[in-house]
Amino acid sequence: MTSDTKKKSEARPQQKGHDTELLTARLSLFTASKDDSAPESAGELTSRVSARPDFVRPTFDQVYAETFPSVWRTARRLGVVESAVDDVVQEVFVTVYRRLDQFEGRCALKTWVFGILMRVVNNYRRTRRRKGAGHATSSVVGDPDIVIDVGADPLELASRSEAGRILHELLEKLDESKAAVFVLAEIEGMSVPEIAEATDTNVNTVYSRLRAARKEFERALKQRALRREARDG
């Protein structure tokens, strides 16, 4: 990898402009999600993954520029501790660099990269457990999208930070498999078939985990609101 690429890997993703209202809306309207529709048929899946005749493989720089922010924030949201996130993300893109010639456009680029990310994160968790490093994941204070912006409204920054903190607090209540599908679907906007491919999991299993994760997340969100009302009461 070039020195420019190395410098990029040390950077942090920039704020994408997601405000608190948008986050709240996305996390509260689970029943309206398109992912609750019936799974694709075998014929539809075969058609979807067929190699495109006009496929042009992207360059590594293009892949990096398009996917680095989402890879970095997803690694953090899946609980990779701050001291390890740079190493995890670097390993993802080293693997992308080595295997890019194997990408044939049979799935979305993000799906392919996230498949690599999930394997790296799972290896990270196994290594942490094997070394007896306590929890394989760690809670995150604040949201990985948020970068200090001296020109931003302090109230807006505080609101975004609080939304991120609540999100991570509630994600901690989900087990790893449910948290993974929830983050990929509700935060990264991936479809269930894309998540199934990225996580190497049966489509119906992903649907089941996502429905359960949404119910648990919504229940935890309501419980948190009730506790807050009782405290402020």
Protein backbone atom coordinates (compact mmCIF):
# COMPACT_ATOMS: atom_id res chain seq x y z
CA MET A 1 0.00 0.00 0.00
CA THR A 2 1.28 3.50 -0.79
CA SER A 3 2.23 6.10 1.81
CA ASP A 4 -0.82 8.13 0.77
CA THR A 5 -3.04 5.12 1.48
CA LYS A 6 -1.39 4.64 4.86
CA LYS A 7 -2.08 8.28 5.73
CA LYS A 8 -5.71 7.83 4.72
CA SER A 9 -6.05 4.78 6.97
CA GLU A 10 -5.03 6.88 9.95
CA ALA A 11 -7.73 9.45 9.26
CA ARG A 12 -11.18 9.45 10.77
CA PRO A 13 -14.39 9.45 8.75
CA GLN A 14 -16.00 12.85 8.51
CA GLN A 15 -19.43 13.68 9.85
CA LYS A 16 -22.11 12.63 7.36
CA GLY A 17 -24.67 15.17 8.55
CA HIS A 18 -27.16 12.74 10.12
CA ASP A 19 -29.19 14.77 12.59
CA THR A 20 -30.90 13.45 15.69
CA GLU A 21 -34.39 13.60 14.18
CA LEU A 22 -33.36 11.40 11.25
CA LEU A 23 -31.71 8.89 13.57
CA THR A 24 -34.75 8.78 15.84
CA ALA A 25 -37.10 8.30 12.89
CA ARG A 26 -35.03 5.45 11.45
CA LEU A 27 -34.81 3.65 14.75
CA SER A 28 -38.50 3.94 15.64
CA LEU A 29 -40.20 2.93 12.39
CA PHE A 30 -39.04 -0.68 12.19
CA THR A 31 -42.42 -2.07 11.14
CA ALA A 32 -42.40 0.10 8.02
CA SER A 33 -39.03 -1.21 6.84
CA LYS A 34 -38.80 -2.82 3.42
CA ASP A 35 -36.71 -5.59 4.99
CA ASP A 36 -39.88 -7.09 6.47
CA SER A 37 -41.00 -8.09 2.98
CA ALA A 38 -40.82 -11.71 1.84
CA PRO A 39 -37.36 -13.09 1.02
CA GLU A 40 -36.27 -13.15 -2.59
CA SER A 41 -36.96 -16.30 -4.57
CA ALA A 42 -34.10 -18.47 -5.78
CA GLY A 43 -34.61 -17.12 -9.29
CA GLU A 44 -34.43 -13.53 -8.10
CA LEU A 45 -31.27 -14.24 -6.13
CA THR A 46 -29.64 -15.95 -9.11
CA SER A 47 -30.50 -12.98 -11.34
CA ARG A 48 -29.25 -10.50 -8.77
CA VAL A 49 -25.83 -12.11 -8.33
CA SER A 50 -25.12 -12.82 -12.00
CA ALA A 51 -21.99 -11.08 -13.21
CA ARG A 52 -22.77 -7.98 -15.23
CA PRO A 53 -21.43 -8.07 -18.80
CA ASP A 54 -20.47 -4.38 -18.57
CA PHE A 55 -18.70 -4.75 -15.21
CA VAL A 56 -15.57 -2.62 -14.75
CA ARG A 57 -13.56 -3.44 -11.65
CA PRO A 58 -12.93 -0.34 -9.49
CA THR A 59 -9.43 0.64 -8.47
CA PHE A 60 -8.28 0.21 -4.88
CA ASP A 61 -8.32 4.00 -4.39
CA GLN A 62 -11.94 4.10 -5.55
CA VAL A 63 -12.92 1.26 -3.21
CA TYR A 64 -11.13 2.92 -0.31
CA ALA A 65 -12.70 6.33 -0.88
CA GLU A 66 -16.19 4.87 -1.20
CA THR A 67 -16.16 2.46 1.74
CA PHE A 68 -13.63 3.65 4.33
CA PRO A 69 -16.02 5.86 6.37
CA SER A 70 -18.68 3.15 6.66
CA VAL A 71 -16.10 0.45 7.44
CA TRP A 72 -14.54 2.53 10.22
CA ARG A 73 -17.81 3.53 11.90
CA THR A 74 -19.26 0.02 11.59
CA ALA A 75 -16.20 -1.51 13.23
CA ARG A 76 -16.69 0.90 16.14
CA ARG A 77 -20.43 0.24 16.32
CA LEU A 78 -19.74 -3.49 16.44
CA GLY A 79 -17.69 -2.84 19.55
CA VAL A 80 -14.07 -2.85 18.37
CA VAL A 81 -12.21 -0.93 21.07
CA GLU A 82 -10.71 2.42 20.12
CA SER A 83 -7.14 1.20 20.56
CA ALA A 84 -7.73 -1.61 18.03
CA VAL A 85 -9.99 0.01 15.44
CA ASP A 86 -7.15 1.32 13.27
CA ASP A 87 -5.56 -2.14 13.11
CA VAL A 88 -8.88 -3.80 12.29
CA VAL A 89 -9.70 -1.30 9.53
CA GLN A 90 -6.17 -1.57 8.12
CA GLU A 91 -6.49 -5.37 7.99
CA VAL A 92 -9.77 -5.01 6.12
CA PHE A 93 -8.22 -2.85 3.42
CA VAL A 94 -5.05 -4.92 3.18
CA THR A 95 -7.35 -7.86 2.41
CA VAL A 96 -9.34 -5.74 -0.06
CA TYR A 97 -6.09 -4.77 -1.80
CA ARG A 98 -4.96 -8.40 -2.08
CA ARG A 99 -8.31 -9.78 -3.24
CA LEU A 100 -9.61 -6.98 -5.42
CA ASP A 101 -8.89 -8.96 -8.58
CA GLN A 102 -11.42 -11.54 -7.29
CA PHE A 103 -14.25 -9.02 -7.14
CA GLU A 104 -16.43 -9.55 -10.22
CA GLY A 105 -19.40 -7.35 -9.44
CA ARG A 106 -21.70 -10.26 -8.52
CA CYS A 107 -22.80 -8.24 -5.51
CA ALA A 108 -22.61 -4.60 -4.48
CA LEU A 109 -19.12 -3.34 -3.72
CA LYS A 110 -20.14 -2.42 -0.16
CA THR A 111 -21.53 -5.93 0.39
CA TRP A 112 -18.24 -7.48 -0.72
CA VAL A 113 -16.14 -5.17 1.48
CA PHE A 114 -18.45 -5.69 4.46
CA GLY A 115 -18.08 -9.45 4.07
CA ILE A 116 -14.36 -8.93 4.63
CA LEU A 117 -15.06 -6.55 7.52
CA MET A 118 -17.31 -9.06 9.31
CA ARG A 119 -14.68 -11.80 9.05
CA VAL A 120 -11.98 -9.49 10.40
CA VAL A 121 -14.21 -8.35 13.28
CA ASN A 122 -15.10 -11.95 14.14
CA ASN A 123 -11.40 -12.89 14.15
CA TYR A 124 -10.71 -9.90 16.40
CA ARG A 125 -13.38 -11.08 18.86
CA ARG A 126 -12.04 -14.65 18.92
CA THR A 127 -8.51 -13.41 19.52
CA ARG A 128 -9.63 -11.17 22.38
CA ARG A 129 -11.49 -14.03 24.01
CA ARG A 130 -8.60 -16.45 23.56
CA LYS A 131 -6.19 -14.00 25.17
CA GLY A 132 -8.56 -13.50 28.08
CA ALA A 133 -8.85 -9.79 27.39
CA GLY A 134 -12.19 -9.51 29.14
CA HIS A 135 -14.99 -8.53 26.81
CA ALA A 136 -14.24 -8.89 23.14
CA THR A 137 -16.04 -5.64 22.54
CA SER A 138 -16.33 -2.41 24.40
CA SER A 139 -18.94 0.30 24.73
CA VAL A 140 -18.33 3.45 22.77
CA VAL A 141 -18.84 6.88 24.28
CA GLY A 142 -20.43 9.06 21.63
CA ASP A 143 -20.97 8.23 17.99
CA PRO A 144 -18.12 7.45 15.55
CA ASP A 145 -19.68 9.76 12.96
CA ILE A 146 -19.14 12.76 15.19
CA VAL A 147 -15.94 14.72 14.73
CA ILE A 148 -15.29 17.91 16.64
CA ASP A 149 -16.20 20.84 14.43
CA VAL A 150 -15.28 24.21 15.93
CA GLY A 151 -17.73 25.91 13.57
CA ALA A 152 -20.73 23.76 14.49
CA ASP A 153 -23.54 24.78 16.82
CA PRO A 154 -22.65 23.43 20.30
CA LEU A 155 -26.28 22.43 20.91
CA GLU A 156 -26.35 20.48 17.65
CA LEU A 157 -23.10 18.70 18.54
CA ALA A 158 -24.45 17.86 22.00
CA SER A 159 -27.67 16.50 20.50
CA ARG A 160 -25.81 14.30 18.01
CA SER A 161 -23.47 13.07 20.71
CA GLU A 162 -26.37 12.15 22.98
CA ALA A 163 -28.10 10.27 20.14
CA GLY A 164 -24.91 8.33 19.50
CA ARG A 165 -24.45 7.50 23.17
CA ILE A 166 -28.03 6.22 23.44
CA LEU A 167 -27.58 4.13 20.30
CA HIS A 168 -24.48 2.41 21.68
CA GLU A 169 -26.06 1.94 25.09
CA LEU A 170 -28.98 0.11 23.50
CA LEU A 171 -26.82 -1.90 21.08
CA GLU A 172 -24.96 -3.30 24.08
CA LYS A 173 -28.19 -5.04 25.12
CA LEU A 174 -28.19 -7.13 21.92
CA ASP A 175 -26.07 -10.21 21.42
CA GLU A 176 -23.34 -10.00 18.77
CA SER A 177 -25.27 -11.65 15.92
CA LYS A 178 -28.35 -9.48 16.43
CA ALA A 179 -26.32 -6.32 16.89
CA ALA A 180 -24.48 -7.02 13.64
CA VAL A 181 -27.59 -7.41 11.49
CA PHE A 182 -29.24 -4.43 13.22
CA VAL A 183 -26.27 -2.14 12.53
CA LEU A 184 -25.98 -3.27 8.92
CA ALA A 185 -29.72 -2.89 8.24
CA GLU A 186 -30.79 0.10 10.31
CA ILE A 187 -27.60 2.17 10.30
CA GLU A 188 -25.86 1.22 7.06
CA GLY A 189 -29.07 0.68 5.09
CA MET A 190 -28.15 -2.73 3.69
CA SER A 191 -30.87 -5.12 2.51
CA VAL A 192 -31.37 -8.51 4.14
CA PRO A 193 -29.95 -10.43 1.12
CA GLU A 194 -26.88 -8.16 1.22
CA ILE A 195 -26.46 -8.77 4.95
CA ALA A 196 -26.84 -12.51 4.41
CA GLU A 197 -24.06 -12.44 1.84
CA ALA A 198 -21.80 -10.20 3.92
CA THR A 199 -22.21 -12.33 7.05
CA ASP A 200 -22.33 -15.69 5.24
CA THR A 201 -25.68 -16.42 6.87
CA ASN A 202 -28.92 -17.91 5.59
CA VAL A 203 -31.37 -15.22 4.43
CA ASN A 204 -34.19 -16.50 6.63
CA THR A 205 -31.86 -16.51 9.63
CA VAL A 206 -31.01 -12.86 8.99
CA TYR A 207 -34.71 -11.97 8.76
CA SER A 208 -35.32 -13.75 12.07
CA ARG A 209 -32.40 -12.06 13.82
CA LEU A 210 -33.36 -8.65 12.48
CA ARG A 211 -36.97 -8.95 13.63
CA ALA A 212 -35.81 -10.07 17.08
CA ALA A 213 -33.21 -7.30 17.26
CA ARG A 214 -35.77 -4.65 16.34
CA LYS A 215 -38.17 -5.87 19.03
CA GLU A 216 -35.44 -5.96 21.68
CA PHE A 217 -34.11 -2.57 20.64
CA GLU A 218 -37.56 -0.98 20.67
CA ARG A 219 -38.32 -2.54 24.06
CA ALA A 220 -35.04 -1.23 25.49
CA LEU A 221 -35.76 2.21 24.02
CA LYS A 222 -39.19 2.32 25.68
CA GLN A 223 -37.77 1.13 29.00
CA ARG A 224 -35.15 3.84 28.86
CA ALA A 225 -37.82 6.47 28.16
CA LEU A 226 -39.91 5.24 31.10
CA ARG A 227 -36.91 5.38 33.43
CA ARG A 228 -36.19 8.90 32.29
CA GLU A 229 -39.80 9.98 32.84
CA ALA A 230 -39.77 8.47 36.32
CA ARG A 231 -36.51 10.22 37.15
CA ASP A 232 -37.66 13.59 35.80
CA GLY A 233 -41.21 13.09 37.07
